[in-house]
Amino acid sequence: FWRIEGTYGRQDFKTAAGAPAPASDADRVQAVSASLGANLGTRATLDAFYSRSDYALQLATGSEASRSGFSLRYRF
């Protein structure tokens, strides 16, 4: 099984002083995530996943957030 998701938009945020930041092209945000998995019998599942985003909280500092890894699930 597999899944791909993506979002794109605009997100407002406030500066440390509490005043809204002026609107600009830098306010555009996007995120993407994908996963690929396989059933290992009737009780176990193995997933590989990756996600990346640049939402306003990361954008204000000029950085992106990403996450990746593997997940093994076993149902008792």
Protein backbone atom coordinates (compact mmCIF):
# COMPACT_ATOMS: atom_id res chain seq x y z
CA PHE A 1 0.00 0.00 0.00
CA TRP A 2 1.05 3.60 -0.48
CA ARG A 3 -0.05 7.17 0.24
CA ILE A 4 1.05 10.59 -1.05
CA GLU A 5 -0.28 13.89 0.34
CA GLY A 6 0.58 17.48 -0.35
CA THR A 7 -0.62 20.91 0.74
CA TYR A 8 0.11 24.39 -0.53
CA GLY A 9 -1.20 27.67 0.77
CA ARG A 10 -0.58 30.86 2.67
CA GLN A 11 -0.22 31.14 6.42
CA ASP A 12 -0.19 34.34 8.49
CA PHE A 13 1.91 34.62 11.62
CA LYS A 14 2.85 37.30 14.13
CA THR A 15 6.30 38.58 14.97
CA ALA A 16 7.72 38.34 18.49
CA ALA A 17 6.40 41.84 19.25
CA GLY A 18 2.85 40.66 18.56
CA ALA A 19 2.33 42.72 15.40
CA PRO A 20 1.34 40.82 12.27
CA ALA A 21 4.16 40.30 9.80
CA PRO A 22 3.61 42.10 6.47
CA ALA A 23 2.22 39.83 3.73
CA SER A 24 4.77 38.72 1.16
CA ASP A 25 5.64 35.80 -1.08
CA ALA A 26 7.57 34.36 1.89
CA ASP A 27 4.21 33.63 3.58
CA ARG A 28 3.51 30.78 1.15
CA VAL A 29 3.85 27.39 2.76
CA GLN A 30 3.85 23.82 1.52
CA ALA A 31 4.12 20.31 2.86
CA VAL A 32 4.51 16.88 1.35
CA SER A 33 4.36 13.43 2.86
CA ALA A 34 4.61 9.95 1.41
CA SER A 35 4.56 6.44 2.76
CA LEU A 36 5.01 2.98 1.32
CA GLY A 37 4.11 -0.15 3.22
CA ALA A 38 3.63 -3.88 3.02
CA ASN A 39 1.59 -6.35 5.02
CA LEU A 40 3.74 -9.14 6.46
CA GLY A 41 1.09 -11.74 7.02
CA THR A 42 -2.18 -10.94 8.79
CA ARG A 43 -0.72 -9.27 11.92
CA ALA A 44 2.43 -7.36 10.91
CA THR A 45 2.93 -4.26 8.76
CA LEU A 46 6.16 -2.55 7.67
CA ASP A 47 6.02 1.14 6.61
CA ALA A 48 8.63 3.55 5.26
CA PHE A 49 7.69 7.26 5.46
CA TYR A 50 8.99 10.74 4.63
CA SER A 51 7.54 14.21 5.22
CA ARG A 52 8.76 17.78 4.79
CA SER A 53 7.12 21.12 5.57
CA ASP A 54 7.93 24.80 5.72
CA TYR A 55 4.95 26.09 7.73
CA ALA A 56 5.07 29.59 9.16
CA LEU A 57 6.72 28.64 12.43
CA GLN A 58 9.66 27.15 10.54
CA LEU A 59 9.51 29.82 7.82
CA ALA A 60 9.98 32.63 10.36
CA THR A 61 13.36 31.14 11.27
CA GLY A 62 14.20 30.26 7.67
CA SER A 63 14.24 26.50 8.18
CA GLU A 64 12.26 23.48 7.08
CA ALA A 65 11.14 20.49 9.11
CA SER A 66 11.48 16.95 7.81
CA ARG A 67 10.87 13.51 9.20
CA SER A 68 11.59 10.05 7.83
CA GLY A 69 11.90 6.51 9.06
CA PHE A 70 10.50 3.01 9.26
CA SER A 71 7.68 1.63 11.32
CA LEU A 72 7.01 -2.01 12.18
CA ARG A 73 3.57 -2.74 13.65
CA TYR A 74 2.45 -6.04 15.10
CA ARG A 75 -1.11 -6.70 16.27
CA PHE A 76 -1.60 -9.12 19.15
